Amino acid sequence: DTDPAMKWDHTQYQPDVIVSAIGTNDFSQ
């Protein structure tokens, strides 16, 4: 999550569906 050399090229994988299941840790406190 920090190395600029490891950035992802989003054109390499174009999904039909994206599921975002985020938030549990935001609400833990």
PDB file of all heavy atoms in Angstrom:
ATOM      1  N   ASP A   1       0.795  -1.226   0.000  1.00  0.00           N
ATOM      2  CA  ASP A   1       0.000   0.000   0.000  1.00  0.00           C
ATOM      3  C   ASP A   1       0.828   1.276   0.000  1.00  0.00           C
ATOM      4  O   ASP A   1       0.278   2.361   0.176  1.00  0.00           O
ATOM      5  CB  ASP A   1      -0.943   0.017   1.206  1.00  0.00           C
ATOM      6  CG  ASP A   1      -0.206  -0.026   2.539  1.00  0.00           C
ATOM      7  OD1 ASP A   1       1.034  -0.065   2.545  1.00  0.00           O
ATOM      8  OD2 ASP A   1      -0.885  -0.015   3.590  1.00  0.00           O
ATOM      9  N   THR A   2       2.148   1.160  -0.211  1.00  0.00           N
ATOM     10  CA  THR A   2       2.963   2.380  -0.170  1.00  0.00           C
ATOM     11  C   THR A   2       4.006   2.492  -1.273  1.00  0.00           C
ATOM     12  O   THR A   2       4.466   3.592  -1.568  1.00  0.00           O
ATOM     13  CB  THR A   2       3.701   2.496   1.182  1.00  0.00           C
ATOM     14  OG1 THR A   2       4.529   1.332   1.374  1.00  0.00           O
ATOM     15  CG2 THR A   2       2.718   2.613   2.338  1.00  0.00           C
ATOM     16  N   ASP A   3       4.422   1.389  -1.850  1.00  0.00           N
ATOM     17  CA  ASP A   3       5.542   1.399  -2.796  1.00  0.00           C
ATOM     18  C   ASP A   3       5.067   1.879  -4.168  1.00  0.00           C
ATOM     19  O   ASP A   3       4.282   1.185  -4.829  1.00  0.00           O
ATOM     20  CB  ASP A   3       6.145  -0.006  -2.905  1.00  0.00           C
ATOM     21  CG  ASP A   3       7.394  -0.050  -3.772  1.00  0.00           C
ATOM     22  OD1 ASP A   3       7.708   0.969  -4.425  1.00  0.00           O
ATOM     23  OD2 ASP A   3       8.046  -1.108  -3.803  1.00  0.00           O
ATOM     24  N   PRO A   4       5.536   3.021  -4.635  1.00  0.00           N
ATOM     25  CA  PRO A   4       5.086   3.529  -5.943  1.00  0.00           C
ATOM     26  C   PRO A   4       5.359   2.563  -7.095  1.00  0.00           C
ATOM     27  O   PRO A   4       4.639   2.576  -8.090  1.00  0.00           O
ATOM     28  CB  PRO A   4       5.890   4.823  -6.114  1.00  0.00           C
ATOM     29  CG  PRO A   4       6.279   5.225  -4.735  1.00  0.00           C
ATOM     30  CD  PRO A   4       6.472   3.952  -3.974  1.00  0.00           C
ATOM     31  N   ALA A   5       6.386   1.727  -6.944  1.00  0.00           N
ATOM     32  CA  ALA A   5       6.717   0.761  -7.999  1.00  0.00           C
ATOM     33  C   ALA A   5       5.667  -0.338  -8.112  1.00  0.00           C
ATOM     34  O   ALA A   5       5.647  -1.072  -9.117  1.00  0.00           O
ATOM     35  CB  ALA A   5       8.087   0.146  -7.735  1.00  0.00           C
ATOM     36  N   MET A   6       4.819  -0.463  -7.107  1.00  0.00           N
ATOM     37  CA  MET A   6       3.824  -1.530  -7.082  1.00  0.00           C
ATOM     38  C   MET A   6       2.419  -1.027  -7.410  1.00  0.00           C
ATOM     39  O   MET A   6       1.435  -1.699  -7.110  1.00  0.00           O
ATOM     40  CB  MET A   6       3.822  -2.215  -5.705  1.00  0.00           C
ATOM     41  CG  MET A   6       5.117  -2.891  -5.346  1.00  0.00           C
ATOM     42  SD  MET A   6       5.422  -4.373  -6.355  1.00  0.00           S
ATOM     43  CE  MET A   6       6.890  -5.013  -5.550  1.00  0.00           C
ATOM     44  N   LYS A   7       2.306   0.142  -7.993  1.00  0.00           N
ATOM     45  CA  LYS A   7       0.979   0.662  -8.355  1.00  0.00           C
ATOM     46  C   LYS A   7       0.299  -0.285  -9.350  1.00  0.00           C
ATOM     47  O   LYS A   7       0.946  -0.898 -10.194  1.00  0.00           O
ATOM     48  CB  LYS A   7       1.096   2.065  -8.954  1.00  0.00           C
ATOM     49  CG  LYS A   7       1.489   3.136  -7.956  1.00  0.00           C
ATOM     50  CD  LYS A   7       0.437   3.371  -6.878  1.00  0.00           C
ATOM     51  CE  LYS A   7      -0.792   4.081  -7.360  1.00  0.00           C
ATOM     52  NZ  LYS A   7      -0.606   5.498  -7.643  1.00  0.00           N
ATOM     53  N   TRP A   8      -1.018  -0.361  -9.251  1.00  0.00           N
ATOM     54  CA  TRP A   8      -1.804  -1.267 -10.087  1.00  0.00           C
ATOM     55  C   TRP A   8      -2.351  -0.530 -11.299  1.00  0.00           C
ATOM     56  O   TRP A   8      -2.839   0.601 -11.186  1.00  0.00           O
ATOM     57  CB  TRP A   8      -2.953  -1.855  -9.286  1.00  0.00           C
ATOM     58  CG  TRP A   8      -3.905  -2.712 -10.071  1.00  0.00           C
ATOM     59  CD1 TRP A   8      -5.214  -2.440 -10.349  1.00  0.00           C
ATOM     60  CD2 TRP A   8      -3.623  -3.984 -10.659  1.00  0.00           C
ATOM     61  NE1 TRP A   8      -5.770  -3.464 -11.071  1.00  0.00           N
ATOM     62  CE2 TRP A   8      -4.812  -4.430 -11.287  1.00  0.00           C
ATOM     63  CE3 TRP A   8      -2.487  -4.795 -10.722  1.00  0.00           C
ATOM     64  CZ2 TRP A   8      -4.904  -5.645 -11.960  1.00  0.00           C
ATOM     65  CZ3 TRP A   8      -2.564  -6.001 -11.396  1.00  0.00           C
ATOM     66  CH2 TRP A   8      -3.759  -6.415 -12.001  1.00  0.00           C
ATOM     67  N   ASP A   9      -2.278  -1.168 -12.452  1.00  0.00           N
ATOM     68  CA  ASP A   9      -2.863  -0.653 -13.684  1.00  0.00           C
ATOM     69  C   ASP A   9      -4.273  -1.227 -13.808  1.00  0.00           C
ATOM     70  O   ASP A   9      -4.445  -2.412 -14.100  1.00  0.00           O
ATOM     71  CB  ASP A   9      -1.995  -1.064 -14.877  1.00  0.00           C
ATOM     72  CG  ASP A   9      -2.591  -0.659 -16.212  1.00  0.00           C
ATOM     73  OD1 ASP A   9      -3.629   0.044 -16.219  1.00  0.00           O
ATOM     74  OD2 ASP A   9      -2.033  -1.056 -17.254  1.00  0.00           O
ATOM     75  N   HIS A  10      -5.284  -0.400 -13.582  1.00  0.00           N
ATOM     76  CA  HIS A  10      -6.659  -0.894 -13.541  1.00  0.00           C
ATOM     77  C   HIS A  10      -7.139  -1.435 -14.893  1.00  0.00           C
ATOM     78  O   HIS A  10      -8.122  -2.187 -14.932  1.00  0.00           O
ATOM     79  CB  HIS A  10      -7.596   0.214 -13.051  1.00  0.00           C
ATOM     80  CG  HIS A  10      -7.330   0.619 -11.632  1.00  0.00           C
ATOM     81  ND1 HIS A  10      -7.626  -0.186 -10.558  1.00  0.00           N
ATOM     82  CD2 HIS A  10      -6.778   1.750 -11.110  1.00  0.00           C
ATOM     83  CE1 HIS A  10      -7.285   0.424  -9.443  1.00  0.00           C
ATOM     84  NE2 HIS A  10      -6.761   1.603  -9.746  1.00  0.00           N
ATOM     85  N   THR A  11      -6.482  -1.068 -15.979  1.00  0.00           N
ATOM     86  CA  THR A  11      -6.891  -1.597 -17.281  1.00  0.00           C
ATOM     87  C   THR A  11      -6.601  -3.084 -17.409  1.00  0.00           C
ATOM     88  O   THR A  11      -7.144  -3.746 -18.299  1.00  0.00           O
ATOM     89  CB  THR A  11      -6.201  -0.844 -18.427  1.00  0.00           C
ATOM     90  OG1 THR A  11      -4.783  -1.072 -18.372  1.00  0.00           O
ATOM     91  CG2 THR A  11      -6.480   0.651 -18.337  1.00  0.00           C
ATOM     92  N   GLN A  12      -5.755  -3.631 -16.523  1.00  0.00           N
ATOM     93  CA  GLN A  12      -5.404  -5.058 -16.613  1.00  0.00           C
ATOM     94  C   GLN A  12      -6.572  -5.973 -16.249  1.00  0.00           C
ATOM     95  O   GLN A  12      -6.575  -7.150 -16.624  1.00  0.00           O
ATOM     96  CB  GLN A  12      -4.221  -5.369 -15.696  1.00  0.00           C
ATOM     97  CG  GLN A  12      -2.902  -4.781 -16.143  1.00  0.00           C
ATOM     98  CD  GLN A  12      -1.751  -5.347 -15.343  1.00  0.00           C
ATOM     99  OE1 GLN A  12      -1.633  -6.547 -15.125  1.00  0.00           O
ATOM    100  NE2 GLN A  12      -0.883  -4.457 -14.881  1.00  0.00           N
ATOM    101  N   TYR A  13      -7.510  -5.459 -15.490  1.00  0.00           N
ATOM    102  CA  TYR A  13      -8.635  -6.297 -15.044  1.00  0.00           C
ATOM    103  C   TYR A  13      -9.870  -5.431 -14.982  1.00  0.00           C
ATOM    104  O   TYR A  13      -9.999  -4.559 -14.121  1.00  0.00           O
ATOM    105  CB  TYR A  13      -8.325  -6.903 -13.675  1.00  0.00           C
ATOM    106  CG  TYR A  13      -9.359  -7.894 -13.171  1.00  0.00           C
ATOM    107  CD1 TYR A  13      -9.354  -9.220 -13.616  1.00  0.00           C
ATOM    108  CD2 TYR A  13     -10.320  -7.518 -12.229  1.00  0.00           C
ATOM    109  CE1 TYR A  13     -10.279 -10.131 -13.140  1.00  0.00           C
ATOM    110  CE2 TYR A  13     -11.248  -8.424 -11.750  1.00  0.00           C
ATOM    111  CZ  TYR A  13     -11.225  -9.739 -12.212  1.00  0.00           C
ATOM    112  OH  TYR A  13     -12.143 -10.653 -11.735  1.00  0.00           O
ATOM    113  N   GLN A  14     -10.787  -5.661 -15.901  1.00  0.00           N
ATOM    114  CA  GLN A  14     -12.033  -4.903 -15.969  1.00  0.00           C
ATOM    115  C   GLN A  14     -13.197  -5.812 -15.563  1.00  0.00           C
ATOM    116  O   GLN A  14     -13.658  -6.637 -16.344  1.00  0.00           O
ATOM    117  CB  GLN A  14     -12.231  -4.337 -17.372  1.00  0.00           C
ATOM    118  CG  GLN A  14     -11.298  -3.190 -17.720  1.00  0.00           C
ATOM    119  CD  GLN A  14     -11.569  -1.955 -16.849  1.00  0.00           C
ATOM    120  OE1 GLN A  14     -12.702  -1.673 -16.482  1.00  0.00           O
ATOM    121  NE2 GLN A  14     -10.515  -1.225 -16.520  1.00  0.00           N
ATOM    122  N   PRO A  15     -13.663  -5.687 -14.317  1.00  0.00           N
ATOM    123  CA  PRO A  15     -14.720  -6.579 -13.834  1.00  0.00           C
ATOM    124  C   PRO A  15     -16.088  -6.239 -14.400  1.00  0.00           C
ATOM    125  O   PRO A  15     -16.361  -5.100 -14.795  1.00  0.00           O
ATOM    126  CB  PRO A  15     -14.691  -6.339 -12.320  1.00  0.00           C
ATOM    127  CG  PRO A  15     -14.215  -4.923 -12.193  1.00  0.00           C
ATOM    128  CD  PRO A  15     -13.227  -4.725 -13.309  1.00  0.00           C
ATOM    129  N   ASP A  16     -16.942  -7.241 -14.409  1.00  0.00           N
ATOM    130  CA  ASP A  16     -18.355  -7.016 -14.719  1.00  0.00           C
ATOM    131  C   ASP A  16     -19.072  -6.404 -13.519  1.00  0.00           C
ATOM    132  O   ASP A  16     -19.987  -5.601 -13.677  1.00  0.00           O
ATOM    133  CB  ASP A  16     -19.030  -8.335 -15.088  1.00  0.00           C
ATOM    134  CG  ASP A  16     -18.415  -8.971 -16.308  1.00  0.00           C
ATOM    135  OD1 ASP A  16     -18.495  -8.370 -17.392  1.00  0.00           O
ATOM    136  OD2 ASP A  16     -17.822 -10.065 -16.172  1.00  0.00           O
ATOM    137  N   VAL A  17     -18.658  -6.834 -12.316  1.00  0.00           N
ATOM    138  CA  VAL A  17     -19.291  -6.365 -11.084  1.00  0.00           C
ATOM    139  C   VAL A  17     -18.218  -6.087 -10.040  1.00  0.00           C
ATOM    140  O   VAL A  17     -17.281  -6.879  -9.876  1.00  0.00           O
ATOM    141  CB  VAL A  17     -20.277  -7.394 -10.500  1.00  0.00           C
ATOM    142  CG1 VAL A  17     -21.052  -6.784  -9.330  1.00  0.00           C
ATOM    143  CG2 VAL A  17     -21.235  -7.915 -11.541  1.00  0.00           C
ATOM    144  N   ILE A  18     -18.379  -4.982  -9.330  1.00  0.00           N
ATOM    145  CA  ILE A  18     -17.549  -4.658  -8.168  1.00  0.00           C
ATOM    146  C   ILE A  18     -18.435  -4.707  -6.936  1.00  0.00           C
ATOM    147  O   ILE A  18     -19.512  -4.105  -6.919  1.00  0.00           O
ATOM    148  CB  ILE A  18     -16.924  -3.264  -8.299  1.00  0.00           C
ATOM    149  CG1 ILE A  18     -16.054  -3.170  -9.558  1.00  0.00           C
ATOM    150  CG2 ILE A  18     -16.102  -2.921  -7.059  1.00  0.00           C
ATOM    151  CD1 ILE A  18     -15.626  -1.750  -9.896  1.00  0.00           C
ATOM    152  N   VAL A  19     -17.992  -5.430  -5.906  1.00  0.00           N
ATOM    153  CA  VAL A  19     -18.692  -5.458  -4.632  1.00  0.00           C
ATOM    154  C   VAL A  19     -17.794  -4.790  -3.596  1.00  0.00           C
ATOM    155  O   VAL A  19     -16.643  -5.201  -3.404  1.00  0.00           O
ATOM    156  CB  VAL A  19     -19.014  -6.893  -4.185  1.00  0.00           C
ATOM    157  CG1 VAL A  19     -19.667  -6.887  -2.800  1.00  0.00           C
ATOM    158  CG2 VAL A  19     -19.920  -7.583  -5.207  1.00  0.00           C
ATOM    159  N   SER A  20     -18.297  -3.753  -2.944  1.00  0.00           N
ATOM    160  CA  SER A  20     -17.562  -3.091  -1.869  1.00  0.00           C
ATOM    161  C   SER A  20     -18.213  -3.448  -0.541  1.00  0.00           C
ATOM    162  O   SER A  20     -19.344  -3.049  -0.268  1.00  0.00           O
ATOM    163  CB  SER A  20     -17.559  -1.573  -2.063  1.00  0.00           C
ATOM    164  OG  SER A  20     -16.908  -0.936  -0.982  1.00  0.00           O
ATOM    165  N   ALA A  21     -17.478  -4.227   0.271  1.00  0.00           N
ATOM    166  CA  ALA A  21     -17.976  -4.652   1.585  1.00  0.00           C
ATOM    167  C   ALA A  21     -17.074  -4.057   2.656  1.00  0.00           C
ATOM    168  O   ALA A  21     -16.346  -4.756   3.354  1.00  0.00           O
ATOM    169  CB  ALA A  21     -18.003  -6.174   1.671  1.00  0.00           C
ATOM    170  N   ILE A  22     -17.093  -2.744   2.771  1.00  0.00           N
ATOM    171  CA  ILE A  22     -16.208  -2.027   3.686  1.00  0.00           C
ATOM    172  C   ILE A  22     -17.041  -1.281   4.721  1.00  0.00           C
ATOM    173  O   ILE A  22     -18.212  -0.964   4.455  1.00  0.00           O
ATOM    174  CB  ILE A  22     -15.292  -1.046   2.906  1.00  0.00           C
ATOM    175  CG1 ILE A  22     -14.041  -0.677   3.718  1.00  0.00           C
ATOM    176  CG2 ILE A  22     -16.077   0.181   2.451  1.00  0.00           C
ATOM    177  CD1 ILE A  22     -13.060  -1.809   3.864  1.00  0.00           C
ATOM    178  N   GLY A  23     -16.449  -1.026   5.883  1.00  0.00           N
ATOM    179  CA  GLY A  23     -17.144  -0.215   6.883  1.00  0.00           C
ATOM    180  C   GLY A  23     -17.058  -0.749   8.304  1.00  0.00           C
ATOM    181  O   GLY A  23     -17.158   0.029   9.260  1.00  0.00           O
ATOM    182  N   THR A  24     -16.870  -2.053   8.467  1.00  0.00           N
ATOM    183  CA  THR A  24     -16.842  -2.625   9.820  1.00  0.00           C
ATOM    184  C   THR A  24     -15.798  -1.939  10.690  1.00  0.00           C
ATOM    185  O   THR A  24     -16.076  -1.570  11.842  1.00  0.00           O
ATOM    186  CB  THR A  24     -16.560  -4.135   9.751  1.00  0.00           C
ATOM    187  OG1 THR A  24     -17.639  -4.778   9.068  1.00  0.00           O
ATOM    188  CG2 THR A  24     -16.432  -4.729  11.145  1.00  0.00           C
ATOM    189  N   ASN A  25     -14.592  -1.753  10.172  1.00  0.00           N
ATOM    190  CA  ASN A  25     -13.524  -1.156  10.984  1.00  0.00           C
ATOM    191  C   ASN A  25     -13.732   0.334  11.214  1.00  0.00           C
ATOM    192  O   ASN A  25     -13.351   0.872  12.267  1.00  0.00           O
ATOM    193  CB  ASN A  25     -12.172  -1.417  10.323  1.00  0.00           C
ATOM    194  CG  ASN A  25     -11.832  -2.894  10.320  1.00  0.00           C
ATOM    195  OD1 ASN A  25     -11.801  -3.533  11.364  1.00  0.00           O
ATOM    196  ND2 ASN A  25     -11.612  -3.448   9.137  1.00  0.00           N
ATOM    197  N   ASP A  26     -14.362   1.024  10.249  1.00  0.00           N
ATOM    198  CA  ASP A  26     -14.699   2.433  10.448  1.00  0.00           C
ATOM    199  C   ASP A  26     -15.591   2.628  11.669  1.00  0.00           C
ATOM    200  O   ASP A  26     -15.528   3.656  12.352  1.00  0.00           O
ATOM    201  CB  ASP A  26     -15.446   2.975   9.227  1.00  0.00           C
ATOM    202  CG  ASP A  26     -14.607   2.976   7.964  1.00  0.00           C
ATOM    203  OD1 ASP A  26     -13.693   3.799   7.862  1.00  0.00           O
ATOM    204  OD2 ASP A  26     -14.872   2.136   7.085  1.00  0.00           O
ATOM    205  N   PHE A  27     -16.454   1.637  11.939  1.00  0.00           N
ATOM    206  CA  PHE A  27     -17.466   1.761  12.989  1.00  0.00           C
ATOM    207  C   PHE A  27     -17.047   1.076  14.292  1.00  0.00           C
ATOM    208  O   PHE A  27     -17.810   1.078  15.254  1.00  0.00           O
ATOM    209  CB  PHE A  27     -18.791   1.170  12.495  1.00  0.00           C
ATOM    210  CG  PHE A  27     -19.532   2.062  11.524  1.00  0.00           C
ATOM    211  CD1 PHE A  27     -19.051   2.285  10.244  1.00  0.00           C
ATOM    212  CD2 PHE A  27     -20.708   2.689  11.898  1.00  0.00           C
ATOM    213  CE1 PHE A  27     -19.719   3.100   9.342  1.00  0.00           C
ATOM    214  CE2 PHE A  27     -21.394   3.514  11.007  1.00  0.00           C
ATOM    215  CZ  PHE A  27     -20.894   3.722   9.729  1.00  0.00           C
ATOM    216  N   SER A  28     -15.859   0.492  14.330  1.00  0.00           N
ATOM    217  CA  SER A  28     -15.474  -0.266  15.522  1.00  0.00           C
ATOM    218  C   SER A  28     -15.282   0.625  16.743  1.00  0.00           C
ATOM    219  O   SER A  28     -15.475   0.180  17.882  1.00  0.00           O
ATOM    220  CB  SER A  28     -14.201  -1.064  15.256  1.00  0.00           C
ATOM    221  OG  SER A  28     -13.105  -0.205  15.002  1.00  0.00           O
ATOM    222  N   GLN A  29     -14.895   1.889  16.543  1.00  0.00           N
ATOM    223  CA  GLN A  29     -14.711   2.825  17.652  1.00  0.00           C
ATOM    224  C   GLN A  29     -15.922   3.740  17.839  1.00  0.00           C
ATOM    225  O   GLN A  29     -15.849   4.747  18.545  1.00  0.00           O
ATOM    226  CB  GLN A  29     -13.462   3.678  17.405  1.00  0.00           C
ATOM    227  CG  GLN A  29     -12.171   2.892  17.310  1.00  0.00           C
ATOM    228  CD  GLN A  29     -11.807   2.217  18.612  1.00  0.00           C
ATOM    229  OE1 GLN A  29     -11.850   2.846  19.668  1.00  0.00           O
ATOM    230  NE2 GLN A  29     -11.464   0.946  18.553  1.00  0.00           N
TER     231      GLN A  29
END
